[in-house]
């Protein structure tokens, strides 16, 4: 849990918890519930996940495609992320351009820790893209975190088909 969220966040009181528990208590309970309901990850699954994390690199061709692509780029990162250092997003931004937003005091669980701010930034990004390109007609982007299931969904509703390249959001160096 400490790899996903900074201690300051984990030790603060969860605003919506009727018992006034801390995020550490609420998230810990959720993790325990998920652990009890889900079978353990088999060794080959752990190996595959580790390989994917270690090998998560973009080729020079892929970086060039992102840099020259005809759509705006948005890179979002938590400053206190212990899994993927903020320097990775800074380096990505230096290579491909776009807008870089760094959230102070936010860890790897950015989509949970600052969901309203993240949602607002993505909505602004999509609105700006829509204003700049008449072929993109987006009604709204929604980032929703379901704490019971422990999942986050990002959904872009479009009022008509996008004719050219879609706008893309990048969080912590990965496509959202």
Protein backbone atom coordinates (compact mmCIF):
# COMPACT_ATOMS: atom_id res chain seq x y z
CA UNK A 1 0.00 0.00 0.00
CA UNK A 2 2.90 2.33 0.79
CA UNK A 3 4.10 1.97 -2.81
CA UNK A 4 0.79 3.29 -4.11
CA UNK A 5 0.12 6.14 -1.69
CA UNK A 6 2.27 8.49 0.43
CA UNK A 7 2.03 8.09 4.23
CA UNK A 8 0.53 11.57 4.61
CA UNK A 9 -2.40 10.55 2.42
CA UNK A 10 -2.81 7.12 4.03
CA UNK A 11 -2.83 8.61 7.53
CA UNK A 12 -5.42 11.28 6.71
CA UNK A 13 -9.09 10.77 7.52
CA UNK A 14 -11.27 9.49 4.68
CA UNK A 15 -13.88 12.25 4.22
CA UNK A 16 -16.65 9.87 3.18
CA UNK A 17 -16.11 7.17 5.81
CA UNK A 18 -18.94 7.35 8.38
CA UNK A 19 -16.64 5.90 11.07
CA UNK A 20 -13.94 8.52 10.47
CA UNK A 21 -11.29 5.96 9.58
CA UNK A 22 -8.07 6.81 7.76
CA UNK A 23 -7.43 5.98 4.13
CA UNK A 24 -4.92 3.39 5.37
CA UNK A 25 -7.71 1.62 7.29
CA UNK A 26 -10.26 1.86 4.47
CA UNK A 27 -7.87 0.80 1.73
CA UNK A 28 -6.36 -1.91 3.94
CA UNK A 29 -9.83 -3.35 4.51
CA UNK A 30 -10.49 -3.25 0.76
CA UNK A 31 -7.18 -5.01 0.03
CA UNK A 32 -8.00 -7.71 2.60
CA UNK A 33 -11.46 -8.18 1.08
CA UNK A 34 -10.01 -8.47 -2.43
CA UNK A 35 -7.33 -10.87 -1.17
CA UNK A 36 -9.97 -13.09 0.45
CA UNK A 37 -12.19 -13.08 -2.66
CA UNK A 38 -9.51 -13.51 -5.31
CA UNK A 39 -7.33 -16.57 -5.73
CA UNK A 40 -3.61 -15.92 -5.36
CA UNK A 41 -1.75 -14.93 -8.52
CA UNK A 42 -0.02 -17.99 -9.96
CA UNK A 43 3.78 -17.82 -10.32
CA UNK A 44 3.59 -17.49 -14.12
CA UNK A 45 1.26 -14.50 -13.69
CA UNK A 46 3.68 -12.80 -11.30
CA UNK A 47 6.56 -13.47 -13.70
CA UNK A 48 4.61 -12.05 -16.65
CA UNK A 49 3.67 -8.91 -14.69
CA UNK A 50 7.27 -8.37 -13.59
CA UNK A 51 8.52 -8.84 -17.15
CA UNK A 52 5.95 -6.32 -18.42
CA UNK A 53 6.90 -3.74 -15.77
CA UNK A 54 10.63 -4.10 -16.35
CA UNK A 55 10.32 -4.14 -20.13
CA UNK A 56 7.87 -1.25 -20.38
CA UNK A 57 9.90 0.81 -22.81
CA UNK A 58 9.00 2.71 -25.95
CA UNK A 59 11.21 2.29 -29.01
CA UNK A 60 12.76 5.30 -30.72
CA UNK A 61 10.22 4.86 -33.54
CA UNK A 62 7.32 4.84 -31.09
CA UNK A 63 8.64 7.97 -29.34
CA UNK A 64 9.01 9.71 -32.71
CA UNK A 65 5.44 8.73 -33.65
CA UNK A 66 4.17 10.23 -30.39
CA UNK A 67 6.25 13.38 -30.83
CA UNK A 68 5.02 14.02 -34.37
CA UNK A 69 1.44 12.75 -33.93
CA UNK A 70 -1.37 15.10 -34.83
CA UNK A 71 -3.05 15.07 -31.43
CA UNK A 72 -2.36 16.79 -28.12
CA UNK A 73 -0.58 14.78 -25.44
CA UNK A 74 -1.28 14.90 -21.72
CA UNK A 75 1.13 13.36 -19.21
CA UNK A 76 0.00 13.16 -15.58
CA UNK A 77 2.08 11.93 -12.66
CA UNK A 78 2.10 11.87 -8.88
CA UNK A 79 5.20 13.55 -7.46
CA UNK A 80 5.42 11.01 -4.63
CA UNK A 81 5.07 7.96 -6.92
CA UNK A 82 7.45 5.28 -5.62
CA UNK A 83 6.82 2.75 -8.41
CA UNK A 84 7.43 4.97 -11.42
CA UNK A 85 9.52 7.99 -10.55
CA UNK A 86 8.34 11.40 -11.72
CA UNK A 87 11.59 11.68 -13.68
CA UNK A 88 10.15 9.08 -16.11
CA UNK A 89 7.25 11.37 -16.99
CA UNK A 90 9.57 14.37 -17.21
CA UNK A 91 11.79 12.44 -19.61
CA UNK A 92 8.76 11.33 -21.66
CA UNK A 93 7.54 14.94 -21.78
CA UNK A 94 10.98 16.12 -22.95
CA UNK A 95 10.88 13.54 -25.76
CA UNK A 96 7.27 13.84 -27.00
CA UNK A 97 6.08 17.24 -25.78
CA UNK A 98 2.52 17.98 -24.78
CA UNK A 99 1.34 19.06 -21.36
CA UNK A 100 2.89 17.68 -18.18
CA UNK A 101 0.88 17.86 -14.95
CA UNK A 102 2.59 16.79 -11.73
CA UNK A 103 0.44 16.37 -8.62
CA UNK A 104 2.37 17.23 -5.41
CA UNK A 105 2.12 14.69 -2.61
CA UNK A 106 0.39 12.14 -4.86
CA UNK A 107 1.62 8.56 -5.24
CA UNK A 108 1.17 5.83 -7.85
CA UNK A 109 -2.52 5.55 -6.97
CA UNK A 110 -3.13 8.91 -8.66
CA UNK A 111 -6.51 7.82 -10.05
CA UNK A 112 -7.78 7.18 -6.51
CA UNK A 113 -5.95 9.86 -4.57
CA UNK A 114 -6.91 12.83 -6.75
CA UNK A 115 -9.76 11.48 -8.91
CA UNK A 116 -11.71 14.79 -9.10
CA UNK A 117 -8.61 16.79 -10.10
CA UNK A 118 -7.53 14.10 -12.57
CA UNK A 119 -11.02 14.01 -14.07
CA UNK A 120 -11.11 17.80 -14.42
CA UNK A 121 -7.69 17.87 -16.11
CA UNK A 122 -8.68 15.16 -18.60
CA UNK A 123 -11.95 16.98 -19.34
CA UNK A 124 -10.00 20.22 -19.95
CA UNK A 125 -7.59 18.37 -22.20
CA UNK A 126 -10.39 16.85 -24.27
CA UNK A 127 -12.27 20.19 -24.43
CA UNK A 128 -9.11 21.97 -25.61
CA UNK A 129 -8.56 19.26 -28.23
CA UNK A 130 -12.16 19.62 -29.33
CA UNK A 131 -11.80 23.40 -29.66
CA UNK A 132 -8.61 23.03 -31.67
CA UNK A 133 -9.97 20.35 -34.01
CA UNK A 134 -13.43 20.53 -35.47
CA UNK A 135 -13.44 16.82 -36.26
CA UNK A 136 -13.41 15.80 -32.58
CA UNK A 137 -16.80 15.96 -30.85
CA UNK A 138 -16.51 14.79 -27.27
CA UNK A 139 -19.27 15.27 -24.73
CA UNK A 140 -17.39 14.35 -21.57
CA UNK A 141 -14.66 12.22 -20.04
CA UNK A 142 -15.36 10.35 -16.82
CA UNK A 143 -12.85 8.89 -14.37
CA UNK A 144 -14.73 6.78 -11.83
CA UNK A 145 -13.26 4.78 -8.98
CA UNK A 146 -15.32 1.92 -7.60
CA UNK A 147 -13.88 1.38 -4.12
CA UNK A 148 -15.92 -1.80 -3.59
CA UNK A 149 -14.38 -3.47 -6.63
CA UNK A 150 -11.10 -1.57 -6.40
CA UNK A 151 -11.16 -0.53 -10.06
CA UNK A 152 -10.96 2.73 -11.94
CA UNK A 153 -12.61 3.30 -15.29
CA UNK A 154 -11.87 6.02 -17.82
CA UNK A 155 -14.56 6.48 -20.43
CA UNK A 156 -14.79 9.05 -23.22
CA UNK A 157 -18.29 9.52 -24.60
CA UNK A 158 -18.35 10.83 -28.15
CA UNK A 159 -21.37 12.40 -29.77
CA UNK A 160 -20.18 11.41 -33.25
CA UNK A 161 -17.42 9.38 -34.81
CA UNK A 162 -13.94 10.86 -34.59
CA UNK A 163 -12.60 11.25 -38.11
CA UNK A 164 -8.91 11.84 -37.40
CA UNK A 165 -6.50 10.94 -34.60
CA UNK A 166 -8.14 10.86 -31.17
CA UNK A 167 -6.74 12.84 -28.29
CA UNK A 168 -4.83 10.61 -25.89
CA UNK A 169 -4.18 10.99 -22.16
CA UNK A 170 -1.03 9.52 -20.65
CA UNK A 171 -0.70 8.89 -16.93
CA UNK A 172 2.47 7.78 -15.24
CA UNK A 173 3.96 7.03 -18.65
CA UNK A 174 1.14 4.69 -19.70
CA UNK A 175 -1.93 5.24 -21.85
CA UNK A 176 -5.02 5.70 -19.73
